[in-house]
Structures are given as C-alpha cells and as structure tokens.
Protein backbone atom coordinates (compact mmCIF):
# COMPACT_ATOMS: atom_id res chain seq x y z
CA MET A 1 108.45 223.91 27.12
CA ALA A 2 110.70 221.37 28.91
CA GLU A 3 114.42 221.46 28.25
CA ALA A 4 115.75 218.63 26.07
CA CYS A 5 117.60 215.81 27.81
CA TYR A 6 120.24 215.64 25.08
CA PRO A 7 122.28 218.30 23.33
CA ALA A 8 120.84 219.59 20.04
CA THR A 9 123.73 218.00 18.16
CA MET A 10 125.37 214.80 19.27
CA VAL A 11 129.12 214.38 19.19
CA ARG A 12 130.73 211.74 16.97
CA TYR A 13 133.00 209.37 18.90
CA PHE A 14 135.53 206.94 17.49
CA MET A 15 136.24 203.64 19.25
CA HIS A 16 139.74 202.48 18.41
CA VAL A 17 140.85 199.02 19.51
CA LYS A 18 144.23 198.17 21.01
CA ASP A 19 144.65 194.42 21.39
CA ARG A 20 146.95 191.50 20.67
CA HIS A 21 146.40 192.06 16.96
CA GLY A 22 147.67 195.65 17.12
CA PHE A 23 145.75 198.90 16.74
CA THR A 24 142.49 199.06 14.78
CA PHE A 25 141.51 202.61 13.85
CA ASP A 26 137.79 203.43 13.79
CA ASP A 27 137.34 205.81 10.86
CA THR A 28 133.50 205.73 10.94
CA GLY A 29 132.60 206.51 14.53
CA CYS A 30 129.13 206.87 15.98
CA GLN A 31 127.10 209.74 17.36
CA LEU A 32 126.23 209.47 21.03
CA PRO A 33 124.43 211.86 23.39
CA SER A 34 126.62 211.60 26.51
CA LEU A 35 129.77 210.20 28.05
CA ALA A 36 127.63 207.62 29.85
CA ALA A 37 126.39 206.42 26.44
CA VAL A 38 129.98 206.39 25.18
CA ARG A 39 131.04 204.17 28.08
CA ARG A 40 128.11 201.79 27.50
CA ARG A 41 128.97 201.48 23.79
CA ALA A 42 132.69 200.97 24.51
CA LEU A 43 131.78 198.28 27.05
CA GLU A 44 129.52 196.52 24.52
CA ASN A 45 132.26 196.67 21.86
CA ALA A 46 134.95 195.33 24.20
CA ARG A 47 132.76 192.46 25.40
CA SER A 48 131.85 191.56 21.83
CA LEU A 49 135.53 191.41 20.85
CA MET A 50 136.31 189.26 23.88
CA CYS A 51 133.44 186.89 22.99
CA ASP A 52 134.90 186.45 19.53
CA ASP A 53 138.28 185.60 21.07
CA VAL A 54 136.78 183.21 23.63
CA SER A 55 135.02 181.33 20.82
CA CYS A 56 138.54 180.68 19.47
CA GLY A 57 139.82 179.58 22.90
CA VAL A 58 141.59 182.82 23.86
CA LEU A 59 140.85 185.50 26.45
CA ASP A 60 143.42 188.30 26.40
CA LEU A 61 142.58 191.07 28.85
CA ARG A 62 145.55 193.28 27.92
CA GLY A 63 143.58 195.22 25.28
CA ALA A 64 141.54 198.39 25.53
CA ILE A 65 139.03 200.56 23.68
CA GLU A 66 140.38 204.08 23.20
CA VAL A 67 137.60 206.57 22.53
CA THR A 68 138.33 209.87 20.79
CA ASP A 69 136.03 212.72 19.85
CA GLU A 70 135.69 214.54 16.52
CA ARG A 71 138.77 216.64 17.30
CA GLY A 72 140.88 213.55 17.98
CA ALA A 73 141.04 214.16 21.73
CA THR A 74 141.00 211.01 23.86
CA VAL A 75 137.92 211.09 26.06
CA MET A 76 138.14 207.60 27.53
CA VAL A 77 140.28 204.49 27.64
CA LEU A 78 138.43 201.36 28.72
CA PRO A 79 140.73 198.41 29.47
CA PHE A 80 139.30 194.99 28.64
CA SER A 81 140.18 193.90 32.18
CA GLU A 82 137.55 196.34 33.52
CA CYS A 83 134.81 194.94 31.26
CA VAL A 84 134.38 191.54 32.88
CA GLU A 85 134.34 189.97 36.31
CA ILE A 86 136.83 187.10 36.56
CA TRP A 87 135.83 184.12 38.66
CA SER A 88 138.15 181.44 39.95
CA ASN A 89 138.51 178.17 38.09
CA ARG A 90 137.42 176.42 41.30
CA ILE A 91 133.76 175.44 41.30
CA PRO A 92 131.92 177.08 44.23
CA PRO A 93 130.35 174.47 46.56
CA GLU A 94 126.83 175.77 45.95
CA TYR A 95 127.15 174.71 42.27
CA LEU A 96 128.11 171.12 43.11
CA PRO A 97 125.50 168.37 43.30
CA ALA A 98 124.54 167.57 46.91
CA PHE A 99 126.32 164.18 46.94
CA GLU A 100 129.64 165.83 45.98
CA ARG A 101 129.11 168.75 48.35
CA ASP A 102 128.44 166.36 51.24
CA GLY A 103 131.53 164.23 50.50
CA LEU A 104 129.60 161.20 49.27
CA ALA A 105 131.20 161.08 45.85
C-alpha cells in the first residue's frame, strides 16, 4: 500500500493579524496538512484583508499574519509587503494607446 501524502492527523494553525487596527487573535484556527498549505492560507488571508482596505481607499503594507501552532509556537510571520507586487504609478508605455505612445497626443 502506498504511503499517505499527508500526516494521519493534521495540525491546527492559528492566523493572528497584526495591522493598523491592532492585533486580532484567531481563537478558531484551521487544520492544514503542511507548512506549504499554511503559507498559502496566510497569503490568501493577507490579500483578502488588503482588498478590504483598498475598497476603502487604504493600502497599509505594515501589517503581517502571524501563524502559531496548537502549542502557541510561532511557525511563520508573513508580512503584508511580501504578499503583493507593487508597480509604479507611472503607466508603462505598452499600456498607452498608440497615438499617445508615438507622441501624437
């Protein structure tokens, strides 16, 4: 019989949020099979929080998701600044209409 890809029992992880509003303690947590899955979930959570803020006209990258295990040990800290790629406010030439790109505007 093939060996299982995941451990027989999954670990419960808690994703606490540190942001401009303070510290939000996750007292529910979620069971995940691996640290890779933990990172994916933390990334999803951080991006969702940032989307909520952007819809209100704010993007504060100083926050982080702090992940702890069932024993309370910190297993990962994912800064919001590592969850997105920031582009310049300058419009790249390839996005401009041809007449503007060619100086005919």
